[in-house]
Amino acid sequence: MPALKKALDDVANLDRSSITVVKTFVNPPEAVKITMEGVMILLGEKQDWATSKRILGDINFLKTVKEKDLDTIEKKKITLLKKLLTANPDITPEEVTTKSEAASKLCGWLHAVVL
């Protein structure tokens, strides 16, 4: 479980300003867009950039992610997330970090949830 602990620590260290940077992308890099699709899956939201921007702008976004009970995520959501990450094997925290540090931490969180 070291990967999960690291991912949870990384997400716990996210702040509002780093999330704001992600939200400001008008046309996000593909790696950021796919990462946010995964986050939207786990949050039960529509998987498009407009919805991602709206959710990123929610004052409770970080709290929601940080407090997400990973043990109660529906199997259907995990399956959708696995399909998304399998279809996009280059979407790793290391790859995403070149586009956005905050999105990279969210990407690590997604990979840890799947594991």
PDB file of N, CA and C in Angstrom:
ATOM      1  N   MET A   1       0.782  -1.212   0.000  1.00  0.00           N
ATOM      2  CA  MET A   1       0.000   0.000   0.000  1.00  0.00           C
ATOM      3  C   MET A   1       0.829   1.285   0.000  1.00  0.00           C
ATOM      4  N   PRO A   2       2.143   1.210  -0.216  1.00  0.00           N
ATOM      5  CA  PRO A   2       2.927   2.448  -0.249  1.00  0.00           C
ATOM      6  C   PRO A   2       2.472   3.404  -1.347  1.00  0.00           C
ATOM      7  N   ALA A   3       2.059   2.884  -2.484  1.00  0.00           N
ATOM      8  CA  ALA A   3       1.614   3.745  -3.586  1.00  0.00           C
ATOM      9  C   ALA A   3       0.368   4.524  -3.180  1.00  0.00           C
ATOM     10  N   LEU A   4      -0.549   3.858  -2.499  1.00  0.00           N
ATOM     11  CA  LEU A   4      -1.765   4.528  -2.055  1.00  0.00           C
ATOM     12  C   LEU A   4      -1.436   5.602  -1.022  1.00  0.00           C
ATOM     13  N   LYS A   5      -0.568   5.277  -0.072  1.00  0.00           N
ATOM     14  CA  LYS A   5      -0.197   6.255   0.954  1.00  0.00           C
ATOM     15  C   LYS A   5       0.451   7.481   0.318  1.00  0.00           C
ATOM     16  N   LYS A   6       1.361   7.262  -0.624  1.00  0.00           N
ATOM     17  CA  LYS A   6       2.014   8.389  -1.302  1.00  0.00           C
ATOM     18  C   LYS A   6       0.981   9.220  -2.048  1.00  0.00           C
ATOM     19  N   ALA A   7       0.079   8.553  -2.763  1.00  0.00           N
ATOM     20  CA  ALA A   7      -0.947   9.275  -3.524  1.00  0.00           C
ATOM     21  C   ALA A   7      -1.843  10.083  -2.597  1.00  0.00           C
ATOM     22  N   LEU A   8      -2.231   9.501  -1.475  1.00  0.00           N
ATOM     23  CA  LEU A   8      -3.076  10.222  -0.519  1.00  0.00           C
ATOM     24  C   LEU A   8      -2.331  11.407   0.088  1.00  0.00           C
ATOM     25  N   ASP A   9      -1.037  11.219   0.380  1.00  0.00           N
ATOM     26  CA  ASP A   9      -0.223  12.322   0.895  1.00  0.00           C
ATOM     27  C   ASP A   9      -0.105  13.440  -0.137  1.00  0.00           C
ATOM     28  N   ASP A  10       0.126  13.053  -1.398  1.00  0.00           N
ATOM     29  CA  ASP A  10       0.235  14.047  -2.468  1.00  0.00           C
ATOM     30  C   ASP A  10      -1.052  14.852  -2.608  1.00  0.00           C
ATOM     31  N   VAL A  11      -2.177  14.155  -2.596  1.00  0.00           N
ATOM     32  CA  VAL A  11      -3.475  14.838  -2.723  1.00  0.00           C
ATOM     33  C   VAL A  11      -3.723  15.719  -1.489  1.00  0.00           C
ATOM     34  N   ALA A  12      -3.326  15.240  -0.330  1.00  0.00           N
ATOM     35  CA  ALA A  12      -3.512  16.027   0.894  1.00  0.00           C
ATOM     36  C   ALA A  12      -2.729  17.337   0.841  1.00  0.00           C
ATOM     37  N   ASN A  13      -1.643  17.352   0.085  1.00  0.00           N
ATOM     38  CA  ASN A  13      -0.817  18.547  -0.017  1.00  0.00           C
ATOM     39  C   ASN A  13      -1.220  19.490  -1.145  1.00  0.00           C
ATOM     40  N   LEU A  14      -2.239  19.133  -1.898  1.00  0.00           N
ATOM     41  CA  LEU A  14      -2.732  20.042  -2.935  1.00  0.00           C
ATOM     42  C   LEU A  14      -3.347  21.275  -2.280  1.00  0.00           C
ATOM     43  N   ASP A  15      -3.193  22.398  -2.937  1.00  0.00           N
ATOM     44  CA  ASP A  15      -3.821  23.611  -2.420  1.00  0.00           C
ATOM     45  C   ASP A  15      -4.664  24.264  -3.510  1.00  0.00           C
ATOM     46  N   ARG A  16      -5.446  25.222  -3.102  1.00  0.00           N
ATOM     47  CA  ARG A  16      -6.395  25.879  -4.000  1.00  0.00           C
ATOM     48  C   ARG A  16      -5.698  26.531  -5.202  1.00  0.00           C
ATOM     49  N   SER A  17      -4.543  27.118  -4.976  1.00  0.00           N
ATOM     50  CA  SER A  17      -3.865  27.806  -6.080  1.00  0.00           C
ATOM     51  C   SER A  17      -3.390  26.823  -7.150  1.00  0.00           C
ATOM     52  N   SER A  18      -2.946  25.634  -6.743  1.00  0.00           N
ATOM     53  CA  SER A  18      -2.506  24.654  -7.741  1.00  0.00           C
ATOM     54  C   SER A  18      -3.686  24.125  -8.550  1.00  0.00           C
ATOM     55  N   ILE A  19      -4.828  24.016  -7.918  1.00  0.00           N
ATOM     56  CA  ILE A  19      -6.040  23.583  -8.625  1.00  0.00           C
ATOM     57  C   ILE A  19      -6.511  24.678  -9.573  1.00  0.00           C
ATOM     58  N   THR A  20      -6.371  25.919  -9.169  1.00  0.00           N
ATOM     59  CA  THR A  20      -6.761  27.036 -10.019  1.00  0.00           C
ATOM     60  C   THR A  20      -5.964  27.038 -11.317  1.00  0.00           C
ATOM     61  N   VAL A  21      -4.690  26.673 -11.241  1.00  0.00           N
ATOM     62  CA  VAL A  21      -3.858  26.606 -12.445  1.00  0.00           C
ATOM     63  C   VAL A  21      -4.437  25.594 -13.431  1.00  0.00           C
ATOM     64  N   VAL A  22      -4.868  24.436 -12.934  1.00  0.00           N
ATOM     65  CA  VAL A  22      -5.467  23.417 -13.800  1.00  0.00           C
ATOM     66  C   VAL A  22      -6.744  23.964 -14.431  1.00  0.00           C
ATOM     67  N   LYS A  23      -7.535  24.617 -13.636  1.00  0.00           N
ATOM     68  CA  LYS A  23      -8.822  25.150 -14.098  1.00  0.00           C
ATOM     69  C   LYS A  23      -8.664  26.206 -15.186  1.00  0.00           C
ATOM     70  N   THR A  24      -7.530  26.900 -15.208  1.00  0.00           N
ATOM     71  CA  THR A  24      -7.357  27.991 -16.164  1.00  0.00           C
ATOM     72  C   THR A  24      -7.044  27.518 -17.578  1.00  0.00           C
ATOM     73  N   PHE A  25      -6.751  26.233 -17.753  1.00  0.00           N
ATOM     74  CA  PHE A  25      -6.499  25.737 -19.107  1.00  0.00           C
ATOM     75  C   PHE A  25      -7.759  25.930 -19.959  1.00  0.00           C
ATOM     76  N   VAL A  26      -7.617  26.628 -21.067  1.00  0.00           N
ATOM     77  CA  VAL A  26      -8.729  26.775 -22.003  1.00  0.00           C
ATOM     78  C   VAL A  26      -8.831  25.500 -22.833  1.00  0.00           C
ATOM     79  N   ASN A  27      -7.704  25.057 -23.306  1.00  0.00           N
ATOM     80  CA  ASN A  27      -7.607  23.832 -24.083  1.00  0.00           C
ATOM     81  C   ASN A  27      -6.532  22.973 -23.414  1.00  0.00           C
ATOM     82  N   PRO A  28      -6.916  22.142 -22.433  1.00  0.00           N
ATOM     83  CA  PRO A  28      -5.921  21.444 -21.621  1.00  0.00           C
ATOM     84  C   PRO A  28      -5.114  20.421 -22.424  1.00  0.00           C
ATOM     85  N   PRO A  29      -3.872  20.180 -21.992  1.00  0.00           N
ATOM     86  CA  PRO A  29      -3.111  19.092 -22.600  1.00  0.00           C
ATOM     87  C   PRO A  29      -3.882  17.777 -22.425  1.00  0.00           C
ATOM     88  N   GLU A  30      -3.734  16.884 -23.358  1.00  0.00           N
ATOM     89  CA  GLU A  30      -4.468  15.611 -23.328  1.00  0.00           C
ATOM     90  C   GLU A  30      -4.280  14.881 -21.999  1.00  0.00           C
ATOM     91  N   ALA A  31      -3.068  14.891 -21.471  1.00  0.00           N
ATOM     92  CA  ALA A  31      -2.794  14.191 -20.206  1.00  0.00           C
ATOM     93  C   ALA A  31      -3.618  14.768 -19.060  1.00  0.00           C
ATOM     94  N   VAL A  32      -3.780  16.070 -19.032  1.00  0.00           N
ATOM     95  CA  VAL A  32      -4.576  16.725 -17.987  1.00  0.00           C
ATOM     96  C   VAL A  32      -6.050  16.413 -18.204  1.00  0.00           C
ATOM     97  N   LYS A  33      -6.484  16.478 -19.441  1.00  0.00           N
ATOM     98  CA  LYS A  33      -7.890  16.201 -19.768  1.00  0.00           C
ATOM     99  C   LYS A  33      -8.280  14.783 -19.355  1.00  0.00           C
ATOM    100  N   ILE A  34      -7.443  13.817 -19.681  1.00  0.00           N
ATOM    101  CA  ILE A  34      -7.743  12.421 -19.348  1.00  0.00           C
ATOM    102  C   ILE A  34      -7.713  12.213 -17.838  1.00  0.00           C
ATOM    103  N   THR A  35      -6.750  12.843 -17.171  1.00  0.00           N
ATOM    104  CA  THR A  35      -6.697  12.748 -15.710  1.00  0.00           C
ATOM    105  C   THR A  35      -7.993  13.267 -15.100  1.00  0.00           C
ATOM    106  N   MET A  36      -8.459  14.391 -15.588  1.00  0.00           N
ATOM    107  CA  MET A  36      -9.691  14.956 -15.045  1.00  0.00           C
ATOM    108  C   MET A  36     -10.912  14.106 -15.398  1.00  0.00           C
ATOM    109  N   GLU A  37     -10.884  13.428 -16.532  1.00  0.00           N
ATOM    110  CA  GLU A  37     -11.963  12.487 -16.849  1.00  0.00           C
ATOM    111  C   GLU A  37     -12.028  11.408 -15.776  1.00  0.00           C
ATOM    112  N   GLY A  38     -10.859  10.923 -15.369  1.00  0.00           N
ATOM    113  CA  GLY A  38     -10.811   9.911 -14.310  1.00  0.00           C
ATOM    114  C   GLY A  38     -11.340  10.432 -12.990  1.00  0.00           C
ATOM    115  N   VAL A  39     -10.971  11.649 -12.648  1.00  0.00           N
ATOM    116  CA  VAL A  39     -11.480  12.259 -11.415  1.00  0.00           C
ATOM    117  C   VAL A  39     -12.996  12.393 -11.492  1.00  0.00           C
ATOM    118  N   MET A  40     -13.501  12.796 -12.646  1.00  0.00           N
ATOM    119  CA  MET A  40     -14.948  12.954 -12.808  1.00  0.00           C
ATOM    120  C   MET A  40     -15.661  11.609 -12.674  1.00  0.00           C
ATOM    121  N   ILE A  41     -15.038  10.537 -13.162  1.00  0.00           N
ATOM    122  CA  ILE A  41     -15.623   9.204 -12.981  1.00  0.00           C
ATOM    123  C   ILE A  41     -15.804   8.925 -11.494  1.00  0.00           C
ATOM    124  N   LEU A  42     -14.742   9.132 -10.716  1.00  0.00           N
ATOM    125  CA  LEU A  42     -14.813   8.825  -9.286  1.00  0.00           C
ATOM    126  C   LEU A  42     -15.788   9.723  -8.539  1.00  0.00           C
ATOM    127  N   LEU A  43     -15.966  10.938  -9.032  1.00  0.00           N
ATOM    128  CA  LEU A  43     -16.894  11.857  -8.370  1.00  0.00           C
ATOM    129  C   LEU A  43     -18.323  11.737  -8.899  1.00  0.00           C
ATOM    130  N   GLY A  44     -18.510  10.870  -9.905  1.00  0.00           N
ATOM    131  CA  GLY A  44     -19.847  10.656 -10.443  1.00  0.00           C
ATOM    132  C   GLY A  44     -20.351  11.808 -11.293  1.00  0.00           C
ATOM    133  N   GLU A  45     -19.433  12.484 -11.954  1.00  0.00           N
ATOM    134  CA  GLU A  45     -19.777  13.640 -12.786  1.00  0.00           C
ATOM    135  C   GLU A  45     -19.580  13.313 -14.263  1.00  0.00           C
ATOM    136  N   LYS A  46     -20.141  14.167 -15.108  1.00  0.00           N
ATOM    137  CA  LYS A  46     -19.975  14.041 -16.552  1.00  0.00           C
ATOM    138  C   LYS A  46     -18.491  14.203 -16.892  1.00  0.00           C
ATOM    139  N   GLN A  47     -18.018  13.409 -17.836  1.00  0.00           N
ATOM    140  CA  GLN A  47     -16.590  13.371 -18.158  1.00  0.00           C
ATOM    141  C   GLN A  47     -16.259  14.269 -19.342  1.00  0.00           C
ATOM    142  N   ASP A  48     -16.326  15.570 -19.130  1.00  0.00           N
ATOM    143  CA  ASP A  48     -15.913  16.508 -20.169  1.00  0.00           C
ATOM    144  C   ASP A  48     -15.193  17.675 -19.502  1.00  0.00           C
ATOM    145  N   TRP A  49     -14.501  18.465 -20.303  1.00  0.00           N
ATOM    146  CA  TRP A  49     -13.694  19.536 -19.740  1.00  0.00           C
ATOM    147  C   TRP A  49     -14.547  20.632 -19.091  1.00  0.00           C
ATOM    148  N   ALA A  50     -15.708  20.925 -19.661  1.00  0.00           N
ATOM    149  CA  ALA A  50     -16.574  21.950 -19.073  1.00  0.00           C
ATOM    150  C   ALA A  50     -16.989  21.557 -17.654  1.00  0.00           C
ATOM    151  N   THR A  51     -17.344  20.298 -17.471  1.00  0.00           N
ATOM    152  CA  THR A  51     -17.726  19.818 -16.141  1.00  0.00           C
ATOM    153  C   THR A  51     -16.515  19.824 -15.221  1.00  0.00           C
ATOM    154  N   SER A  52     -15.376  19.401 -15.743  1.00  0.00           N
ATOM    155  CA  SER A  52     -14.149  19.396 -14.933  1.00  0.00           C
ATOM    156  C   SER A  52     -13.840  20.803 -14.422  1.00  0.00           C
ATOM    157  N   LYS A  53     -13.934  21.794 -15.295  1.00  0.00           N
ATOM    158  CA  LYS A  53     -13.664  23.178 -14.892  1.00  0.00           C
ATOM    159  C   LYS A  53     -14.652  23.640 -13.821  1.00  0.00           C
ATOM    160  N   ARG A  54     -15.904  23.265 -13.991  1.00  0.00           N
ATOM    161  CA  ARG A  54     -16.925  23.651 -12.999  1.00  0.00           C
ATOM    162  C   ARG A  54     -16.621  23.018 -11.645  1.00  0.00           C
ATOM    163  N   ILE A  55     -16.287  21.739 -11.659  1.00  0.00           N
ATOM    164  CA  ILE A  55     -15.992  21.016 -10.416  1.00  0.00           C
ATOM    165  C   ILE A  55     -14.706  21.536  -9.780  1.00  0.00           C
ATOM    166  N   LEU A  56     -13.685  21.812 -10.605  1.00  0.00           N
ATOM    167  CA  LEU A  56     -12.436  22.374 -10.078  1.00  0.00           C
ATOM    168  C   LEU A  56     -12.681  23.728  -9.414  1.00  0.00           C
ATOM    169  N   GLY A  57     -13.668  24.455  -9.896  1.00  0.00           N
ATOM    170  CA  GLY A  57     -14.001  25.760  -9.334  1.00  0.00           C
ATOM    171  C   GLY A  57     -14.825  25.691  -8.057  1.00  0.00           C
ATOM    172  N   ASP A  58     -15.334  24.514  -7.756  1.00  0.00           N
ATOM    173  CA  ASP A  58     -16.127  24.341  -6.532  1.00  0.00           C
ATOM    174  C   ASP A  58     -15.205  24.509  -5.320  1.00  0.00           C
ATOM    175  N   ILE A  59     -15.604  25.342  -4.405  1.00  0.00           N
ATOM    176  CA  ILE A  59     -14.777  25.613  -3.230  1.00  0.00           C
ATOM    177  C   ILE A  59     -14.510  24.345  -2.408  1.00  0.00           C
ATOM    178  N   ASN A  60     -15.384  23.347  -2.530  1.00  0.00           N
ATOM    179  CA  ASN A  60     -15.228  22.110  -1.770  1.00  0.00           C
ATOM    180  C   ASN A  60     -14.527  20.996  -2.544  1.00  0.00           C
ATOM    181  N   PHE A  61     -14.024  21.292  -3.744  1.00  0.00           N
ATOM    182  CA  PHE A  61     -13.396  20.252  -4.560  1.00  0.00           C
ATOM    183  C   PHE A  61     -12.277  19.529  -3.817  1.00  0.00           C
ATOM    184  N   LEU A  62     -11.327  20.268  -3.278  1.00  0.00           N
ATOM    185  CA  LEU A  62     -10.206  19.629  -2.591  1.00  0.00           C
ATOM    186  C   LEU A  62     -10.666  18.811  -1.387  1.00  0.00           C
ATOM    187  N   LYS A  63     -11.597  19.352  -0.650  1.00  0.00           N
ATOM    188  CA  LYS A  63     -12.125  18.628   0.509  1.00  0.00           C
ATOM    189  C   LYS A  63     -12.783  17.325   0.062  1.00  0.00           C
ATOM    190  N   THR A  64     -13.551  17.390  -1.014  1.00  0.00           N
ATOM    191  CA  THR A  64     -14.229  16.208  -1.541  1.00  0.00           C
ATOM    192  C   THR A  64     -13.221  15.136  -1.931  1.00  0.00           C
ATOM    193  N   VAL A  65     -12.168  15.541  -2.645  1.00  0.00           N
ATOM    194  CA  VAL A  65     -11.155  14.576  -3.080  1.00  0.00           C
ATOM    195  C   VAL A  65     -10.398  14.022  -1.880  1.00  0.00           C
ATOM    196  N   LYS A  66      -9.987  14.892  -0.991  1.00  0.00           N
ATOM    197  CA  LYS A  66      -9.192  14.472   0.170  1.00  0.00           C
ATOM    198  C   LYS A  66      -9.967  13.550   1.095  1.00  0.00           C
ATOM    199  N   GLU A  67     -11.277  13.744   1.178  1.00  0.00           N
ATOM    200  CA  GLU A  67     -12.088  12.957   2.107  1.00  0.00           C
ATOM    201  C   GLU A  67     -12.828  11.807   1.427  1.00  0.00           C
ATOM    202  N   LYS A  68     -12.562  11.585   0.151  1.00  0.00           N
ATOM    203  CA  LYS A  68     -13.236  10.519  -0.588  1.00  0.00           C
ATOM    204  C   LYS A  68     -12.941   9.175   0.077  1.00  0.00           C
ATOM    205  N   ASP A  69     -13.994   8.461   0.442  1.00  0.00           N
ATOM    206  CA  ASP A  69     -13.836   7.137   1.048  1.00  0.00           C
ATOM    207  C   ASP A  69     -13.573   6.137  -0.070  1.00  0.00           C
ATOM    208  N   LEU A  70     -12.329   5.755  -0.227  1.00  0.00           N
ATOM    209  CA  LEU A  70     -11.935   4.886  -1.333  1.00  0.00           C
ATOM    210  C   LEU A  70     -12.477   3.469  -1.198  1.00  0.00           C
ATOM    211  N   ASP A  71     -12.854   3.090   0.012  1.00  0.00           N
ATOM    212  CA  ASP A  71     -13.389   1.741   0.227  1.00  0.00           C
ATOM    213  C   ASP A  71     -14.836   1.600  -0.234  1.00  0.00           C
ATOM    214  N   THR A  72     -15.492   2.720  -0.491  1.00  0.00           N
ATOM    215  CA  THR A  72     -16.904   2.644  -0.861  1.00  0.00           C
ATOM    216  C   THR A  72     -17.155   3.039  -2.323  1.00  0.00           C
ATOM    217  N   ILE A  73     -16.091   3.146  -3.099  1.00  0.00           N
ATOM    218  CA  ILE A  73     -16.266   3.494  -4.511  1.00  0.00           C
ATOM    219  C   ILE A  73     -16.923   2.314  -5.221  1.00  0.00           C
ATOM    220  N   GLU A  74     -17.954   2.612  -5.971  1.00  0.00           N
ATOM    221  CA  GLU A  74     -18.705   1.570  -6.673  1.00  0.00           C
ATOM    222  C   GLU A  74     -17.814   0.843  -7.673  1.00  0.00           C
ATOM    223  N   LYS A  75     -18.033  -0.454  -7.784  1.00  0.00           N
ATOM    224  CA  LYS A  75     -17.251  -1.278  -8.704  1.00  0.00           C
ATOM    225  C   LYS A  75     -17.357  -0.756 -10.143  1.00  0.00           C
ATOM    226  N   LYS A  76     -18.532  -0.261 -10.515  1.00  0.00           N
ATOM    227  CA  LYS A  76     -18.748   0.263 -11.863  1.00  0.00           C
ATOM    228  C   LYS A  76     -17.785   1.429 -12.146  1.00  0.00           C
ATOM    229  N   LYS A  77     -17.590   2.298 -11.156  1.00  0.00           N
ATOM    230  CA  LYS A  77     -16.689   3.438 -11.331  1.00  0.00           C
ATOM    231  C   LYS A  77     -15.237   2.965 -11.464  1.00  0.00           C
ATOM    232  N   ILE A  78     -14.873   1.972 -10.666  1.00  0.00           N
ATOM    233  CA  ILE A  78     -13.507   1.425 -10.747  1.00  0.00           C
ATOM    234  C   ILE A  78     -13.284   0.802 -12.121  1.00  0.00           C
ATOM    235  N   THR A  79     -14.277   0.091 -12.630  1.00  0.00           N
ATOM    236  CA  THR A  79     -14.173  -0.524 -13.953  1.00  0.00           C
ATOM    237  C   THR A  79     -14.004   0.536 -15.032  1.00  0.00           C
ATOM    238  N   LEU A  80     -14.798   1.601 -14.967  1.00  0.00           N
ATOM    239  CA  LEU A  80     -14.673   2.700 -15.936  1.00  0.00           C
ATOM    240  C   LEU A  80     -13.295   3.362 -15.851  1.00  0.00           C
ATOM    241  N   LEU A  81     -12.817   3.558 -14.631  1.00  0.00           N
ATOM    242  CA  LEU A  81     -11.502   4.169 -14.440  1.00  0.00           C
ATOM    243  C   LEU A  81     -10.395   3.266 -14.993  1.00  0.00           C
ATOM    244  N   LYS A  82     -10.498   1.968 -14.744  1.00  0.00           N
ATOM    245  CA  LYS A  82      -9.511   1.019 -15.287  1.00  0.00           C
ATOM    246  C   LYS A  82      -9.494   1.071 -16.813  1.00  0.00           C
ATOM    247  N   LYS A  83     -10.677   1.114 -17.414  1.00  0.00           N
ATOM    248  CA  LYS A  83     -10.758   1.184 -18.882  1.00  0.00           C
ATOM    249  C   LYS A  83     -10.099   2.453 -19.394  1.00  0.00           C
ATOM    250  N   LEU A  84     -10.357   3.571 -18.732  1.00  0.00           N
ATOM    251  CA  LEU A  84      -9.772   4.846 -19.142  1.00  0.00           C
ATOM    252  C   LEU A  84      -8.244   4.786 -19.065  1.00  0.00           C
ATOM    253  N   LEU A  85      -7.722   4.270 -17.959  1.00  0.00           N
ATOM    254  CA  LEU A  85      -6.269   4.223 -17.788  1.00  0.00           C
ATOM    255  C   LEU A  85      -5.623   3.166 -18.683  1.00  0.00           C
ATOM    256  N   THR A  86      -6.319   2.069 -18.936  1.00  0.00           N
ATOM    257  CA  THR A  86      -5.795   1.035 -19.836  1.00  0.00           C
ATOM    258  C   THR A  86      -5.757   1.541 -21.269  1.00  0.00           C
ATOM    259  N   ALA A  87      -6.775   2.290 -21.658  1.00  0.00           N
ATOM    260  CA  ALA A  87      -6.835   2.851 -23.018  1.00  0.00           C
ATOM    261  C   ALA A  87      -5.798   3.959 -23.225  1.00  0.00           C
ATOM    262  N   ASN A  88      -5.280   4.484 -22.117  1.00  0.00           N
ATOM    263  CA  ASN A  88      -4.307   5.581 -22.174  1.00  0.00           C
ATOM    264  C   ASN A  88      -3.107   5.253 -21.284  1.00  0.00           C
ATOM    265  N   PRO A  89      -2.320   4.235 -21.653  1.00  0.00           N
ATOM    266  CA  PRO A  89      -1.223   3.776 -20.782  1.00  0.00           C
ATOM    267  C   PRO A  89      -0.134   4.821 -20.553  1.00  0.00           C
ATOM    268  N   ASP A  90      -0.072   5.846 -21.390  1.00  0.00           N
ATOM    269  CA  ASP A  90       0.936   6.895 -21.202  1.00  0.00           C
ATOM    270  C   ASP A  90       0.518   7.915 -20.149  1.00  0.00           C
ATOM    271  N   ILE A  91      -0.700   7.804 -19.653  1.00  0.00           N
ATOM    272  CA  ILE A  91      -1.167   8.740 -18.639  1.00  0.00           C
ATOM    273  C   ILE A  91      -0.717   8.230 -17.271  1.00  0.00           C
ATOM    274  N   THR A  92       0.465   8.694 -16.904  1.00  0.00           N
ATOM    275  CA  THR A  92       1.070   8.336 -15.619  1.00  0.00           C
ATOM    276  C   THR A  92       1.387   9.635 -14.878  1.00  0.00           C
ATOM    277  N   PRO A  93       1.567   9.553 -13.572  1.00  0.00           N
ATOM    278  CA  PRO A  93       1.925  10.775 -12.845  1.00  0.00           C
ATOM    279  C   PRO A  93       3.192  11.434 -13.407  1.00  0.00           C
ATOM    280  N   GLU A  94       4.134  10.628 -13.828  1.00  0.00           N
ATOM    281  CA  GLU A  94       5.384  11.167 -14.369  1.00  0.00           C
ATOM    282  C   GLU A  94       5.139  11.937 -15.668  1.00  0.00           C
ATOM    283  N   GLU A  95       4.271  11.407 -16.506  1.00  0.00           N
ATOM    284  CA  GLU A  95       3.946  12.077 -17.768  1.00  0.00           C
ATOM    285  C   GLU A  95       3.136  13.349 -17.520  1.00  0.00           C
ATOM    286  N   VAL A  96       2.167  13.261 -16.648  1.00  0.00           N
ATOM    287  CA  VAL A  96       1.269  14.382 -16.394  1.00  0.00           C
ATOM    288  C   VAL A  96       2.006  15.532 -15.703  1.00  0.00           C
ATOM    289  N   THR A  97       3.019  15.217 -14.915  1.00  0.00           N
ATOM    290  CA  THR A  97       3.744  16.270 -14.192  1.00  0.00           C
ATOM    291  C   THR A  97       4.398  17.276 -15.130  1.00  0.00           C
ATOM    292  N   THR A  98       4.685  16.865 -16.360  1.00  0.00           N
ATOM    293  CA  THR A  98       5.265  17.800 -17.328  1.00  0.00           C
ATOM    294  C   THR A  98       4.228  18.814 -17.804  1.00  0.00           C
ATOM    295  N   LYS A  99       2.964  18.532 -17.557  1.00  0.00           N
ATOM    296  CA  LYS A  99       1.871  19.422 -17.965  1.00  0.00           C
ATOM    297  C   LYS A  99       1.308  20.222 -16.790  1.00  0.00           C
ATOM    298  N   SER A 100       1.200  19.548 -15.620  1.00  0.00           N
ATOM    299  CA  SER A 100       0.608  20.186 -14.447  1.00  0.00           C
ATOM    300  C   SER A 100       0.955  19.372 -13.204  1.00  0.00           C
ATOM    301  N   GLU A 101       1.555  20.030 -12.230  1.00  0.00           N
ATOM    302  CA  GLU A 101       1.916  19.349 -10.976  1.00  0.00           C
ATOM    303  C   GLU A 101       0.663  18.870 -10.238  1.00  0.00           C
ATOM    304  N   ALA A 102      -0.359  19.710 -10.173  1.00  0.00           N
ATOM    305  CA  ALA A 102      -1.591  19.325  -9.468  1.00  0.00           C
ATOM    306  C   ALA A 102      -2.276  18.151 -10.166  1.00  0.00           C
ATOM    307  N   ALA A 103      -2.365  18.210 -11.488  1.00  0.00           N
ATOM    308  CA  ALA A 103      -2.983  17.102 -12.230  1.00  0.00           C
ATOM    309  C   ALA A 103      -2.166  15.826 -12.058  1.00  0.00           C
ATOM    310  N   SER A 104      -0.859  15.958 -11.938  1.00  0.00           N
ATOM    311  CA  SER A 104       0.002  14.797 -11.714  1.00  0.00           C
ATOM    312  C   SER A 104      -0.353  14.101 -10.392  1.00  0.00           C
ATOM    313  N   LYS A 105      -0.594  14.888  -9.372  1.00  0.00           N
ATOM    314  CA  LYS A 105      -0.960  14.321  -8.064  1.00  0.00           C
ATOM    315  C   LYS A 105      -2.329  13.648  -8.139  1.00  0.00           C
ATOM    316  N   LEU A 106      -3.237  14.253  -8.865  1.00  0.00           N
ATOM    317  CA  LEU A 106      -4.552  13.618  -9.057  1.00  0.00           C
ATOM    318  C   LEU A 106      -4.413  12.331  -9.873  1.00  0.00           C
ATOM    319  N   CYS A 107      -3.522  12.333 -10.851  1.00  0.00           N
ATOM    320  CA  CYS A 107      -3.282  11.141 -11.662  1.00  0.00           C
ATOM    321  C   CYS A 107      -2.729  10.007 -10.789  1.00  0.00           C
ATOM    322  N   GLY A 108      -1.800  10.329  -9.906  1.00  0.00           N
ATOM    323  CA  GLY A 108      -1.268   9.328  -8.981  1.00  0.00           C
ATOM    324  C   GLY A 108      -2.351   8.760  -8.090  1.00  0.00           C
ATOM    325  N   TRP A 109      -3.271   9.620  -7.675  1.00  0.00           N
ATOM    326  CA  TRP A 109      -4.405   9.201  -6.852  1.00  0.00           C
ATOM    327  C   TRP A 109      -5.282   8.216  -7.641  1.00  0.00           C
ATOM    328  N   LEU A 110      -5.526   8.516  -8.908  1.00  0.00           N
ATOM    329  CA  LEU A 110      -6.344   7.619  -9.745  1.00  0.00           C
ATOM    330  C   LEU A 110      -5.688   6.245  -9.883  1.00  0.00           C
ATOM    331  N   HIS A 111      -4.398   6.241 -10.157  1.00  0.00           N
ATOM    332  CA  HIS A 111      -3.686   4.971 -10.307  1.00  0.00           C
ATOM    333  C   HIS A 111      -3.707   4.179  -8.998  1.00  0.00           C
ATOM    334  N   ALA A 112      -3.549   4.857  -7.873  1.00  0.00           N
ATOM    335  CA  ALA A 112      -3.577   4.181  -6.575  1.00  0.00           C
ATOM    336  C   ALA A 112      -4.956   3.592  -6.291  1.00  0.00           C
ATOM    337  N   VAL A 113      -6.003   4.306  -6.671  1.00  0.00           N
ATOM    338  CA  VAL A 113      -7.372   3.806  -6.460  1.00  0.00           C
ATOM    339  C   VAL A 113      -7.570   2.513  -7.260  1.00  0.00           C
ATOM    340  N   VAL A 114      -7.074   2.476  -8.487  1.00  0.00           N
ATOM    341  CA  VAL A 114      -7.223   1.282  -9.314  1.00  0.00           C
ATOM    342  C   VAL A 114      -6.449   0.107  -8.716  1.00  0.00           C
ATOM    343  N   LEU A 115      -5.272   0.383  -8.179  1.00  0.00           N
ATOM    344  CA  LEU A 115      -4.478  -0.691  -7.555  1.00  0.00           C
ATOM    345  C   LEU A 115      -5.152  -1.188  -6.295  1.00  0.00           C
TER     346      LEU A 115
END
